[in-house]
Every structure is written in C-alpha cells, then in structure tokens.
PDB file of all heavy atoms in Angstrom:
ATOM      1  N   ALA A   1      -8.218  12.892  -7.357  1.00  0.00           N
ATOM      2  CA  ALA A   1      -8.773  14.178  -7.779  1.00  0.00           C
ATOM      3  C   ALA A   1      -9.534  14.825  -6.627  1.00  0.00           C
ATOM      4  O   ALA A   1      -9.960  14.159  -5.677  1.00  0.00           O
ATOM      5  CB  ALA A   1      -9.702  13.983  -8.971  1.00  0.00           C
ATOM      6  N   SER A   2      -9.734  16.131  -6.726  1.00  0.00           N
ATOM      7  CA  SER A   2     -10.451  16.853  -5.670  1.00  0.00           C
ATOM      8  C   SER A   2     -11.903  16.407  -5.568  1.00  0.00           C
ATOM      9  O   SER A   2     -12.536  16.575  -4.525  1.00  0.00           O
ATOM     10  CB  SER A   2     -10.388  18.358  -5.941  1.00  0.00           C
ATOM     11  OG  SER A   2     -10.930  18.661  -7.216  1.00  0.00           O
ATOM     12  N   SER A   3     -12.429  15.805  -6.628  1.00  0.00           N
ATOM     13  CA  SER A   3     -13.832  15.371  -6.626  1.00  0.00           C
ATOM     14  C   SER A   3     -14.021  13.944  -6.106  1.00  0.00           C
ATOM     15  O   SER A   3     -15.152  13.480  -5.991  1.00  0.00           O
ATOM     16  CB  SER A   3     -14.400  15.457  -8.051  1.00  0.00           C
ATOM     17  OG  SER A   3     -13.654  14.637  -8.937  1.00  0.00           O
ATOM     18  N   ASP A   4     -12.946  13.249  -5.769  1.00  0.00           N
ATOM     19  CA  ASP A   4     -13.060  11.831  -5.406  1.00  0.00           C
ATOM     20  C   ASP A   4     -13.768  11.616  -4.072  1.00  0.00           C
ATOM     21  O   ASP A   4     -14.546  10.674  -3.911  1.00  0.00           O
ATOM     22  CB  ASP A   4     -11.677  11.183  -5.356  1.00  0.00           C
ATOM     23  CG  ASP A   4     -11.077  10.985  -6.734  1.00  0.00           C
ATOM     24  OD1 ASP A   4     -11.831  11.091  -7.726  1.00  0.00           O
ATOM     25  OD2 ASP A   4      -9.859  10.730  -6.834  1.00  0.00           O
ATOM     26  N   TYR A   5     -13.471  12.456  -3.091  1.00  0.00           N
ATOM     27  CA  TYR A   5     -13.994  12.240  -1.738  1.00  0.00           C
ATOM     28  C   TYR A   5     -14.655  13.525  -1.241  1.00  0.00           C
ATOM     29  O   TYR A   5     -14.084  14.274  -0.456  1.00  0.00           O
ATOM     30  CB  TYR A   5     -12.870  11.784  -0.801  1.00  0.00           C
ATOM     31  CG  TYR A   5     -12.052  10.660  -1.407  1.00  0.00           C
ATOM     32  CD1 TYR A   5     -10.735  10.870  -1.828  1.00  0.00           C
ATOM     33  CD2 TYR A   5     -12.607   9.397  -1.596  1.00  0.00           C
ATOM     34  CE1 TYR A   5     -10.004   9.853  -2.407  1.00  0.00           C
ATOM     35  CE2 TYR A   5     -11.880   8.366  -2.188  1.00  0.00           C
ATOM     36  CZ  TYR A   5     -10.580   8.612  -2.591  1.00  0.00           C
ATOM     37  OH  TYR A   5      -9.865   7.594  -3.185  1.00  0.00           O
ATOM     38  N   GLN A   6     -15.870  13.749  -1.731  1.00  0.00           N
ATOM     39  CA  GLN A   6     -16.589  14.991  -1.445  1.00  0.00           C
ATOM     40  C   GLN A   6     -17.826  14.782  -0.580  1.00  0.00           C
ATOM     41  O   GLN A   6     -18.561  15.726  -0.320  1.00  0.00           O
ATOM     42  CB  GLN A   6     -16.984  15.667  -2.755  1.00  0.00           C
ATOM     43  CG  GLN A   6     -15.824  16.300  -3.496  1.00  0.00           C
ATOM     44  CD  GLN A   6     -15.192  17.441  -2.722  1.00  0.00           C
ATOM     45  OE1 GLN A   6     -15.839  18.439  -2.417  1.00  0.00           O
ATOM     46  NE2 GLN A   6     -13.928  17.291  -2.371  1.00  0.00           N
ATOM     47  N   THR A   7     -18.047  13.551  -0.151  1.00  0.00           N
ATOM     48  CA  THR A   7     -19.184  13.264   0.731  1.00  0.00           C
ATOM     49  C   THR A   7     -18.699  12.364   1.859  1.00  0.00           C
ATOM     50  O   THR A   7     -17.674  11.673   1.733  1.00  0.00           O
ATOM     51  CB  THR A   7     -20.314  12.541  -0.022  1.00  0.00           C
ATOM     52  OG1 THR A   7     -19.851  11.246  -0.436  1.00  0.00           O
ATOM     53  CG2 THR A   7     -20.754  13.340  -1.243  1.00  0.00           C
ATOM     54  N   GLU A   8     -19.462  12.358   2.953  1.00  0.00           N
ATOM     55  CA  GLU A   8     -19.094  11.481   4.059  1.00  0.00           C
ATOM     56  C   GLU A   8     -19.184  10.020   3.645  1.00  0.00           C
ATOM     57  O   GLU A   8     -18.388   9.192   4.092  1.00  0.00           O
ATOM     58  CB  GLU A   8     -19.997  11.758   5.265  1.00  0.00           C
ATOM     59  CG  GLU A   8     -19.727  13.087   5.946  1.00  0.00           C
ATOM     60  CD  GLU A   8     -20.415  13.208   7.284  1.00  0.00           C
ATOM     61  OE1 GLU A   8     -20.865  12.166   7.821  1.00  0.00           O
ATOM     62  OE2 GLU A   8     -20.494  14.329   7.815  1.00  0.00           O
ATOM     63  N   ALA A   9     -20.119   9.698   2.770  1.00  0.00           N
ATOM     64  CA  ALA A   9     -20.261   8.313   2.305  1.00  0.00           C
ATOM     65  C   ALA A   9     -19.018   7.873   1.536  1.00  0.00           C
ATOM     66  O   ALA A   9     -18.528   6.743   1.719  1.00  0.00           O
ATOM     67  CB  ALA A   9     -21.503   8.178   1.430  1.00  0.00           C
ATOM     68  N   SER A  10     -18.490   8.754   0.674  1.00  0.00           N
ATOM     69  CA  SER A  10     -17.283   8.400  -0.086  1.00  0.00           C
ATOM     70  C   SER A  10     -16.082   8.265   0.841  1.00  0.00           C
ATOM     71  O   SER A  10     -15.209   7.417   0.629  1.00  0.00           O
ATOM     72  CB  SER A  10     -17.008   9.435  -1.174  1.00  0.00           C
ATOM     73  OG  SER A  10     -16.736  10.710  -0.624  1.00  0.00           O
ATOM     74  N   CYS A  11     -16.024   9.074   1.881  1.00  0.00           N
ATOM     75  CA  CYS A  11     -14.935   8.977   2.861  1.00  0.00           C
ATOM     76  C   CYS A  11     -15.032   7.665   3.652  1.00  0.00           C
ATOM     77  O   CYS A  11     -14.003   7.033   3.942  1.00  0.00           O
ATOM     78  CB  CYS A  11     -14.972  10.168   3.811  1.00  0.00           C
ATOM     79  SG  CYS A  11     -14.505  11.744   3.057  1.00  0.00           S
ATOM     80  N   GLN A  12     -16.238   7.270   3.983  1.00  0.00           N
ATOM     81  CA  GLN A  12     -16.431   6.004   4.697  1.00  0.00           C
ATOM     82  C   GLN A  12     -15.994   4.829   3.819  1.00  0.00           C
ATOM     83  O   GLN A  12     -15.357   3.885   4.302  1.00  0.00           O
ATOM     84  CB  GLN A  12     -17.893   5.838   5.116  1.00  0.00           C
ATOM     85  CG  GLN A  12     -18.360   6.815   6.189  1.00  0.00           C
ATOM     86  CD  GLN A  12     -17.815   6.498   7.581  1.00  0.00           C
ATOM     87  OE1 GLN A  12     -16.989   5.604   7.753  1.00  0.00           O
ATOM     88  NE2 GLN A  12     -18.279   7.250   8.569  1.00  0.00           N
ATOM     89  N   ARG A  13     -16.349   4.889   2.540  1.00  0.00           N
ATOM     90  CA  ARG A  13     -15.934   3.817   1.621  1.00  0.00           C
ATOM     91  C   ARG A  13     -14.416   3.769   1.507  1.00  0.00           C
ATOM     92  O   ARG A  13     -13.815   2.686   1.477  1.00  0.00           O
ATOM     93  CB  ARG A  13     -16.562   4.031   0.240  1.00  0.00           C
ATOM     94  CG  ARG A  13     -18.060   3.763   0.179  1.00  0.00           C
ATOM     95  CD  ARG A  13     -18.531   3.616  -1.265  1.00  0.00           C
ATOM     96  NE  ARG A  13     -18.302   4.824  -2.042  1.00  0.00           N
ATOM     97  CZ  ARG A  13     -19.174   5.817  -2.159  1.00  0.00           C
ATOM     98  NH1 ARG A  13     -20.351   5.751  -1.527  1.00  0.00           N
ATOM     99  NH2 ARG A  13     -18.909   6.883  -2.895  1.00  0.00           N
ATOM    100  N   LEU A  14     -13.787   4.946   1.445  1.00  0.00           N
ATOM    101  CA  LEU A  14     -12.336   5.000   1.369  1.00  0.00           C
ATOM    102  C   LEU A  14     -11.706   4.401   2.623  1.00  0.00           C
ATOM    103  O   LEU A  14     -10.757   3.616   2.543  1.00  0.00           O
ATOM    104  CB  LEU A  14     -11.863   6.446   1.184  1.00  0.00           C
ATOM    105  CG  LEU A  14     -10.345   6.661   1.257  1.00  0.00           C
ATOM    106  CD1 LEU A  14      -9.619   5.866   0.183  1.00  0.00           C
ATOM    107  CD2 LEU A  14     -10.018   8.152   1.162  1.00  0.00           C
ATOM    108  N   SER A  15     -12.216   4.756   3.791  1.00  0.00           N
ATOM    109  CA  SER A  15     -11.681   4.237   5.050  1.00  0.00           C
ATOM    110  C   SER A  15     -11.752   2.708   5.077  1.00  0.00           C
ATOM    111  O   SER A  15     -10.789   2.037   5.470  1.00  0.00           O
ATOM    112  CB  SER A  15     -12.465   4.821   6.226  1.00  0.00           C
ATOM    113  OG  SER A  15     -11.998   4.316   7.443  1.00  0.00           O
ATOM    114  N   HIS A  16     -12.872   2.162   4.637  1.00  0.00           N
ATOM    115  CA  HIS A  16     -13.051   0.708   4.606  1.00  0.00           C
ATOM    116  C   HIS A  16     -12.090   0.063   3.607  1.00  0.00           C
ATOM    117  O   HIS A  16     -11.481  -0.989   3.892  1.00  0.00           O
ATOM    118  CB  HIS A  16     -14.493   0.375   4.249  1.00  0.00           C
ATOM    119  CG  HIS A  16     -14.810  -1.088   4.298  1.00  0.00           C
ATOM    120  ND1 HIS A  16     -14.687  -1.901   3.187  1.00  0.00           N
ATOM    121  CD2 HIS A  16     -15.220  -1.890   5.320  1.00  0.00           C
ATOM    122  CE1 HIS A  16     -15.019  -3.134   3.516  1.00  0.00           C
ATOM    123  NE2 HIS A  16     -15.340  -3.154   4.802  1.00  0.00           N
ATOM    124  N   PHE A  17     -11.936   0.683   2.445  1.00  0.00           N
ATOM    125  CA  PHE A  17     -11.048   0.140   1.419  1.00  0.00           C
ATOM    126  C   PHE A  17      -9.591   0.157   1.886  1.00  0.00           C
ATOM    127  O   PHE A  17      -8.834  -0.800   1.663  1.00  0.00           O
ATOM    128  CB  PHE A  17     -11.203   0.942   0.128  1.00  0.00           C
ATOM    129  CG  PHE A  17     -10.350   0.462  -1.017  1.00  0.00           C
ATOM    130  CD1 PHE A  17     -10.639  -0.723  -1.671  1.00  0.00           C
ATOM    131  CD2 PHE A  17      -9.253   1.201  -1.440  1.00  0.00           C
ATOM    132  CE1 PHE A  17      -9.863  -1.170  -2.730  1.00  0.00           C
ATOM    133  CE2 PHE A  17      -8.468   0.765  -2.491  1.00  0.00           C
ATOM    134  CZ  PHE A  17      -8.772  -0.420  -3.137  1.00  0.00           C
ATOM    135  N   LEU A  18      -9.188   1.244   2.529  1.00  0.00           N
ATOM    136  CA  LEU A  18      -7.825   1.333   3.053  1.00  0.00           C
ATOM    137  C   LEU A  18      -7.562   0.211   4.061  1.00  0.00           C
ATOM    138  O   LEU A  18      -6.566  -0.515   3.955  1.00  0.00           O
ATOM    139  CB  LEU A  18      -7.606   2.694   3.725  1.00  0.00           C
ATOM    140  CG  LEU A  18      -7.377   3.900   2.816  1.00  0.00           C
ATOM    141  CD1 LEU A  18      -7.526   5.190   3.609  1.00  0.00           C
ATOM    142  CD2 LEU A  18      -5.998   3.832   2.171  1.00  0.00           C
ATOM    143  N   GLU A  19      -8.452   0.077   5.024  1.00  0.00           N
ATOM    144  CA  GLU A  19      -8.220  -0.865   6.117  1.00  0.00           C
ATOM    145  C   GLU A  19      -8.260  -2.317   5.664  1.00  0.00           C
ATOM    146  O   GLU A  19      -7.436  -3.126   6.108  1.00  0.00           O
ATOM    147  CB  GLU A  19      -9.259  -0.635   7.213  1.00  0.00           C
ATOM    148  CG  GLU A  19      -9.065  -1.530   8.436  1.00  0.00           C
ATOM    149  CD  GLU A  19     -10.067  -1.233   9.532  1.00  0.00           C
ATOM    150  OE1 GLU A  19     -10.769  -0.202   9.427  1.00  0.00           O
ATOM    151  OE2 GLU A  19     -10.165  -2.039  10.476  1.00  0.00           O
ATOM    152  N   ASN A  20      -9.154  -2.643   4.746  1.00  0.00           N
ATOM    153  CA  ASN A  20      -9.404  -4.047   4.421  1.00  0.00           C
ATOM    154  C   ASN A  20      -8.728  -4.532   3.144  1.00  0.00           C
ATOM    155  O   ASN A  20      -8.518  -5.743   2.996  1.00  0.00           O
ATOM    156  CB  ASN A  20     -10.910  -4.292   4.307  1.00  0.00           C
ATOM    157  CG  ASN A  20     -11.622  -4.117   5.630  1.00  0.00           C
ATOM    158  OD1 ASN A  20     -11.576  -4.988   6.489  1.00  0.00           O
ATOM    159  ND2 ASN A  20     -12.282  -2.972   5.803  1.00  0.00           N
ATOM    160  N   THR A  21      -8.407  -3.621   2.241  1.00  0.00           N
ATOM    161  CA  THR A  21      -7.867  -4.066   0.950  1.00  0.00           C
ATOM    162  C   THR A  21      -6.536  -3.415   0.602  1.00  0.00           C
ATOM    163  O   THR A  21      -5.533  -4.104   0.379  1.00  0.00           O
ATOM    164  CB  THR A  21      -8.887  -3.765  -0.175  1.00  0.00           C
ATOM    165  OG1 THR A  21     -10.136  -4.379   0.152  1.00  0.00           O
ATOM    166  CG2 THR A  21      -8.395  -4.311  -1.504  1.00  0.00           C
ATOM    167  N   LEU A  22      -6.513  -2.088   0.526  1.00  0.00           N
ATOM    168  CA  LEU A  22      -5.331  -1.404   0.012  1.00  0.00           C
ATOM    169  C   LEU A  22      -4.139  -1.516   0.949  1.00  0.00           C
ATOM    170  O   LEU A  22      -3.036  -1.899   0.530  1.00  0.00           O
ATOM    171  CB  LEU A  22      -5.651   0.061  -0.262  1.00  0.00           C
ATOM    172  CG  LEU A  22      -4.507   0.872  -0.892  1.00  0.00           C
ATOM    173  CD1 LEU A  22      -4.117   0.288  -2.236  1.00  0.00           C
ATOM    174  CD2 LEU A  22      -4.911   2.336  -1.032  1.00  0.00           C
ATOM    175  N   ASN A  23      -4.310  -1.170   2.222  1.00  0.00           N
ATOM    176  CA  ASN A  23      -3.173  -1.172   3.140  1.00  0.00           C
ATOM    177  C   ASN A  23      -2.503  -2.537   3.268  1.00  0.00           C
ATOM    178  O   ASN A  23      -1.272  -2.631   3.214  1.00  0.00           O
ATOM    179  CB  ASN A  23      -3.603  -0.659   4.515  1.00  0.00           C
ATOM    180  CG  ASN A  23      -3.809   0.847   4.526  1.00  0.00           C
ATOM    181  OD1 ASN A  23      -3.496   1.529   3.558  1.00  0.00           O
ATOM    182  ND2 ASN A  23      -4.348   1.377   5.611  1.00  0.00           N
ATOM    183  N   PRO A  24      -3.270  -3.635   3.449  1.00  0.00           N
ATOM    184  CA  PRO A  24      -2.610  -4.935   3.527  1.00  0.00           C
ATOM    185  C   PRO A  24      -1.809  -5.280   2.264  1.00  0.00           C
ATOM    186  O   PRO A  24      -0.724  -5.850   2.352  1.00  0.00           O
ATOM    187  CB  PRO A  24      -3.770  -5.913   3.729  1.00  0.00           C
ATOM    188  CG  PRO A  24      -4.837  -5.096   4.379  1.00  0.00           C
ATOM    189  CD  PRO A  24      -4.711  -3.734   3.752  1.00  0.00           C
ATOM    190  N   TYR A  25      -2.350  -4.897   1.097  1.00  0.00           N
ATOM    191  CA  TYR A  25      -1.625  -5.222  -0.130  1.00  0.00           C
ATOM    192  C   TYR A  25      -0.376  -4.349  -0.285  1.00  0.00           C
ATOM    193  O   TYR A  25       0.706  -4.841  -0.625  1.00  0.00           O
ATOM    194  CB  TYR A  25      -2.515  -5.068  -1.361  1.00  0.00           C
ATOM    195  CG  TYR A  25      -1.784  -5.488  -2.616  1.00  0.00           C
ATOM    196  CD1 TYR A  25      -1.479  -6.829  -2.838  1.00  0.00           C
ATOM    197  CD2 TYR A  25      -1.341  -4.555  -3.547  1.00  0.00           C
ATOM    198  CE1 TYR A  25      -0.766  -7.234  -3.959  1.00  0.00           C
ATOM    199  CE2 TYR A  25      -0.630  -4.945  -4.669  1.00  0.00           C
ATOM    200  CZ  TYR A  25      -0.340  -6.291  -4.866  1.00  0.00           C
ATOM    201  OH  TYR A  25       0.379  -6.679  -5.966  1.00  0.00           O
ATOM    202  N   VAL A  26      -0.503  -3.046  -0.039  1.00  0.00           N
ATOM    203  CA  VAL A  26       0.648  -2.147  -0.124  1.00  0.00           C
ATOM    204  C   VAL A  26       1.734  -2.589   0.850  1.00  0.00           C
ATOM    205  O   VAL A  26       2.928  -2.622   0.511  1.00  0.00           O
ATOM    206  CB  VAL A  26       0.222  -0.691   0.161  1.00  0.00           C
ATOM    207  CG1 VAL A  26       1.434   0.198   0.432  1.00  0.00           C
ATOM    208  CG2 VAL A  26      -0.583  -0.142  -1.007  1.00  0.00           C
ATOM    209  N   ALA A  27       1.341  -2.948   2.068  1.00  0.00           N
ATOM    210  CA  ALA A  27       2.316  -3.406   3.068  1.00  0.00           C
ATOM    211  C   ALA A  27       3.014  -4.683   2.603  1.00  0.00           C
ATOM    212  O   ALA A  27       4.224  -4.847   2.790  1.00  0.00           O
ATOM    213  CB  ALA A  27       1.617  -3.632   4.403  1.00  0.00           C
ATOM    214  N   ASN A  28       2.259  -5.590   1.997  1.00  0.00           N
ATOM    215  CA  ASN A  28       2.844  -6.838   1.509  1.00  0.00           C
ATOM    216  C   ASN A  28       3.890  -6.576   0.434  1.00  0.00           C
ATOM    217  O   ASN A  28       5.023  -7.082   0.508  1.00  0.00           O
ATOM    218  CB  ASN A  28       1.726  -7.740   0.964  1.00  0.00           C
ATOM    219  CG  ASN A  28       2.225  -9.122   0.587  1.00  0.00           C
ATOM    220  OD1 ASN A  28       3.135  -9.278  -0.211  1.00  0.00           O
ATOM    221  ND2 ASN A  28       1.593 -10.148   1.146  1.00  0.00           N
ATOM    222  N   VAL A  29       3.551  -5.778  -0.566  1.00  0.00           N
ATOM    223  CA  VAL A  29       4.484  -5.502  -1.661  1.00  0.00           C
ATOM    224  C   VAL A  29       5.696  -4.719  -1.166  1.00  0.00           C
ATOM    225  O   VAL A  29       6.844  -5.008  -1.558  1.00  0.00           O
ATOM    226  CB  VAL A  29       3.766  -4.729  -2.788  1.00  0.00           C
ATOM    227  CG1 VAL A  29       4.757  -4.288  -3.858  1.00  0.00           C
ATOM    228  CG2 VAL A  29       2.673  -5.599  -3.413  1.00  0.00           C
ATOM    229  N   THR A  30       5.466  -3.737  -0.302  1.00  0.00           N
ATOM    230  CA  THR A  30       6.578  -2.950   0.244  1.00  0.00           C
ATOM    231  C   THR A  30       7.555  -3.838   0.995  1.00  0.00           C
ATOM    232  O   THR A  30       8.784  -3.753   0.805  1.00  0.00           O
ATOM    233  CB  THR A  30       6.047  -1.857   1.193  1.00  0.00           C
ATOM    234  OG1 THR A  30       5.115  -1.035   0.492  1.00  0.00           O
ATOM    235  CG2 THR A  30       7.184  -0.997   1.731  1.00  0.00           C
ATOM    236  N   ALA A  31       7.027  -4.707   1.866  1.00  0.00           N
ATOM    237  CA  ALA A  31       7.878  -5.602   2.646  1.00  0.00           C
ATOM    238  C   ALA A  31       8.585  -6.612   1.756  1.00  0.00           C
ATOM    239  O   ALA A  31       9.756  -6.943   1.975  1.00  0.00           O
ATOM    240  CB  ALA A  31       7.049  -6.317   3.707  1.00  0.00           C
ATOM    241  N   ALA A  32       7.893  -7.114   0.740  1.00  0.00           N
ATOM    242  CA  ALA A  32       8.507  -8.075  -0.172  1.00  0.00           C
ATOM    243  C   ALA A  32       9.673  -7.445  -0.926  1.00  0.00           C
ATOM    244  O   ALA A  32      10.718  -8.082  -1.118  1.00  0.00           O
ATOM    245  CB  ALA A  32       7.464  -8.609  -1.146  1.00  0.00           C
ATOM    246  N   ALA A  33       9.517  -6.193  -1.341  1.00  0.00           N
ATOM    247  CA  ALA A  33      10.606  -5.501  -2.037  1.00  0.00           C
ATOM    248  C   ALA A  33      11.806  -5.315  -1.121  1.00  0.00           C
ATOM    249  O   ALA A  33      12.966  -5.470  -1.532  1.00  0.00           O
ATOM    250  CB  ALA A  33      10.114  -4.151  -2.560  1.00  0.00           C
ATOM    251  N   VAL A  34      11.533  -4.977   0.156  1.00  0.00           N
ATOM    252  CA  VAL A  34      12.622  -4.837   1.134  1.00  0.00           C
ATOM    253  C   VAL A  34      13.316  -6.175   1.349  1.00  0.00           C
ATOM    254  O   VAL A  34      14.550  -6.269   1.332  1.00  0.00           O
ATOM    255  CB  VAL A  34      12.079  -4.290   2.470  1.00  0.00           C
ATOM    256  CG1 VAL A  34      13.157  -4.360   3.555  1.00  0.00           C
ATOM    257  CG2 VAL A  34      11.580  -2.862   2.309  1.00  0.00           C
ATOM    258  N   LEU A  35      12.528  -7.226   1.554  1.00  0.00           N
ATOM    259  CA  LEU A  35      13.108  -8.544   1.834  1.00  0.00           C
ATOM    260  C   LEU A  35      13.911  -9.061   0.644  1.00  0.00           C
ATOM    261  O   LEU A  35      15.022  -9.581   0.816  1.00  0.00           O
ATOM    262  CB  LEU A  35      11.993  -9.527   2.186  1.00  0.00           C
ATOM    263  CG  LEU A  35      12.449 -10.954   2.526  1.00  0.00           C
ATOM    264  CD1 LEU A  35      13.390 -10.954   3.731  1.00  0.00           C
ATOM    265  CD2 LEU A  35      11.240 -11.843   2.784  1.00  0.00           C
ATOM    266  N   CYS A  36      13.383  -8.912  -0.564  1.00  0.00           N
ATOM    267  CA  CYS A  36      14.112  -9.370  -1.741  1.00  0.00           C
ATOM    268  C   CYS A  36      15.427  -8.619  -1.893  1.00  0.00           C
ATOM    269  O   CYS A  36      16.458  -9.202  -2.224  1.00  0.00           O
ATOM    270  CB  CYS A  36      13.251  -9.196  -2.992  1.00  0.00           C
ATOM    271  SG  CYS A  36      13.975  -9.929  -4.476  1.00  0.00           S
ATOM    272  N   SER A  37      15.396  -7.310  -1.641  1.00  0.00           N
ATOM    273  CA  SER A  37      16.631  -6.524  -1.697  1.00  0.00           C
ATOM    274  C   SER A  37      17.659  -7.045  -0.702  1.00  0.00           C
ATOM    275  O   SER A  37      18.852  -7.157  -1.009  1.00  0.00           O
ATOM    276  CB  SER A  37      16.321  -5.050  -1.408  1.00  0.00           C
ATOM    277  OG  SER A  37      17.497  -4.283  -1.306  1.00  0.00           O
ATOM    278  N   ARG A  38      17.192  -7.420   0.485  1.00  0.00           N
ATOM    279  CA  ARG A  38      18.113  -7.905   1.516  1.00  0.00           C
ATOM    280  C   ARG A  38      18.707  -9.265   1.176  1.00  0.00           C
ATOM    281  O   ARG A  38      19.922  -9.478   1.276  1.00  0.00           O
ATOM    282  CB  ARG A  38      17.391  -7.990   2.857  1.00  0.00           C
ATOM    283  CG  ARG A  38      17.043  -6.652   3.485  1.00  0.00           C
ATOM    284  CD  ARG A  38      16.292  -6.878   4.796  1.00  0.00           C
ATOM    285  NE  ARG A  38      15.816  -5.646   5.400  1.00  0.00           N
ATOM    286  CZ  ARG A  38      15.063  -5.590   6.490  1.00  0.00           C
ATOM    287  NH1 ARG A  38      14.697  -6.721   7.103  1.00  0.00           N
ATOM    288  NH2 ARG A  38      14.667  -4.425   6.982  1.00  0.00           N
ATOM    289  N   VAL A  39      17.836 -10.202   0.786  1.00  0.00           N
ATOM    290  CA  VAL A  39      18.303 -11.587   0.637  1.00  0.00           C
ATOM    291  C   VAL A  39      18.973 -11.833  -0.712  1.00  0.00           C
ATOM    292  O   VAL A  39      19.811 -12.731  -0.825  1.00  0.00           O
ATOM    293  CB  VAL A  39      17.149 -12.592   0.839  1.00  0.00           C
ATOM    294  CG1 VAL A  39      16.539 -12.439   2.220  1.00  0.00           C
ATOM    295  CG2 VAL A  39      16.082 -12.470  -0.247  1.00  0.00           C
ATOM    296  N   LEU A  40      18.623 -11.041  -1.738  1.00  0.00           N
ATOM    297  CA  LEU A  40      19.183 -11.287  -3.068  1.00  0.00           C
ATOM    298  C   LEU A  40      20.226 -10.257  -3.479  1.00  0.00           C
ATOM    299  O   LEU A  40      21.163 -10.589  -4.206  1.00  0.00           O
ATOM    300  CB  LEU A  40      18.052 -11.309  -4.105  1.00  0.00           C
ATOM    301  CG  LEU A  40      18.408 -11.825  -5.504  1.00  0.00           C
ATOM    302  CD1 LEU A  40      18.881 -13.279  -5.453  1.00  0.00           C
ATOM    303  CD2 LEU A  40      17.210 -11.694  -6.449  1.00  0.00           C
ATOM    304  N   CYS A  41      20.095  -9.015  -2.989  1.00  0.00           N
ATOM    305  CA  CYS A  41      20.958  -7.925  -3.459  1.00  0.00           C
ATOM    306  C   CYS A  41      21.808  -7.321  -2.341  1.00  0.00           C
ATOM    307  O   CYS A  41      22.352  -6.220  -2.509  1.00  0.00           O
ATOM    308  CB  CYS A  41      20.118  -6.830  -4.110  1.00  0.00           C
ATOM    309  SG  CYS A  41      18.960  -7.410  -5.363  1.00  0.00           S
ATOM    310  N   GLN A  42      21.890  -7.994  -1.208  1.00  0.00           N
ATOM    311  CA  GLN A  42      22.674  -7.524  -0.068  1.00  0.00           C
ATOM    312  C   GLN A  42      22.256  -6.136   0.413  1.00  0.00           C
ATOM    313  O   GLN A  42      23.061  -5.376   0.988  1.00  0.00           O
ATOM    314  CB  GLN A  42      24.189  -7.513  -0.405  1.00  0.00           C
ATOM    315  CG  GLN A  42      24.770  -8.842  -0.853  1.00  0.00           C
ATOM    316  CD  GLN A  42      24.527  -9.112  -2.343  1.00  0.00           C
ATOM    317  OE1 GLN A  42      24.914  -8.305  -3.175  1.00  0.00           O
ATOM    318  NE2 GLN A  42      23.909 -10.240  -2.650  1.00  0.00           N
ATOM    319  N   GLY A  43      21.016  -5.757   0.145  1.00  0.00           N
ATOM    320  CA  GLY A  43      20.513  -4.457   0.558  1.00  0.00           C
ATOM    321  C   GLY A  43      21.077  -3.301  -0.248  1.00  0.00           C
ATOM    322  O   GLY A  43      20.816  -2.141   0.061  1.00  0.00           O
ATOM    323  N   ALA A  44      21.831  -3.609  -1.298  1.00  0.00           N
ATOM    324  CA  ALA A  44      22.513  -2.576  -2.083  1.00  0.00           C
ATOM    325  C   ALA A  44      21.905  -2.401  -3.473  1.00  0.00           C
ATOM    326  O   ALA A  44      22.513  -1.796  -4.346  1.00  0.00           O
ATOM    327  CB  ALA A  44      23.994  -2.919  -2.208  1.00  0.00           C
ATOM    328  N   GLY A  45      20.711  -2.934  -3.659  1.00  0.00           N
ATOM    329  CA  GLY A  45      20.039  -2.803  -4.946  1.00  0.00           C
ATOM    330  C   GLY A  45      18.591  -3.229  -4.798  1.00  0.00           C
ATOM    331  O   GLY A  45      18.187  -3.742  -3.747  1.00  0.00           O
ATOM    332  N   ARG A  46      17.807  -3.026  -5.843  1.00  0.00           N
ATOM    333  CA  ARG A  46      16.411  -3.455  -5.825  1.00  0.00           C
ATOM    334  C   ARG A  46      16.229  -4.630  -6.785  1.00  0.00           C
ATOM    335  O   ARG A  46      16.946  -4.765  -7.775  1.00  0.00           O
ATOM    336  CB  ARG A  46      15.465  -2.313  -6.181  1.00  0.00           C
ATOM    337  CG  ARG A  46      15.556  -1.790  -7.585  1.00  0.00           C
ATOM    338  CD  ARG A  46      14.435  -0.777  -7.880  1.00  0.00           C
ATOM    339  NE  ARG A  46      14.315   0.248  -6.869  1.00  0.00           N
ATOM    340  CZ  ARG A  46      14.979   1.396  -6.871  1.00  0.00           C
ATOM    341  NH1 ARG A  46      15.842   1.645  -7.849  1.00  0.00           N
ATOM    342  NH2 ARG A  46      14.823   2.284  -5.919  1.00  0.00           N
ATOM    343  N   CYS A  47      15.242  -5.458  -6.478  1.00  0.00           N
ATOM    344  CA  CYS A  47      14.949  -6.610  -7.323  1.00  0.00           C
ATOM    345  C   CYS A  47      14.084  -6.191  -8.510  1.00  0.00           C
ATOM    346  O   CYS A  47      13.203  -5.344  -8.378  1.00  0.00           O
ATOM    347  CB  CYS A  47      14.216  -7.686  -6.523  1.00  0.00           C
ATOM    348  SG  CYS A  47      15.210  -8.421  -5.203  1.00  0.00           S
TER     349      CYS A  47
END
C-alpha cells in the first residue's frame, strides 16, 4: 500500500528485511522451482 513505506525508518526496515530474510527465501524457492522443472519435467512443465 502507499502507506507502507512513508518514513525513512520504515524504508530502512524494508531494506534490512529484503537483504536478510525475503530475498534469500524468494531466491531459494525460485531456484527450486526451476530445478524441479528441469530434473522432473524436462523443463517443459512446472512441479
């Protein structure tokens, strides 16, 4: 929402959350979906 990040403090918290929690998890799930598609579905489908 437009009200989520309206202060520098909220932006700093977001930056920390992205770097330490969200990005590593999103990258893990994204890569796992790619790998599963490759090894189980020949890259022609999703798991």
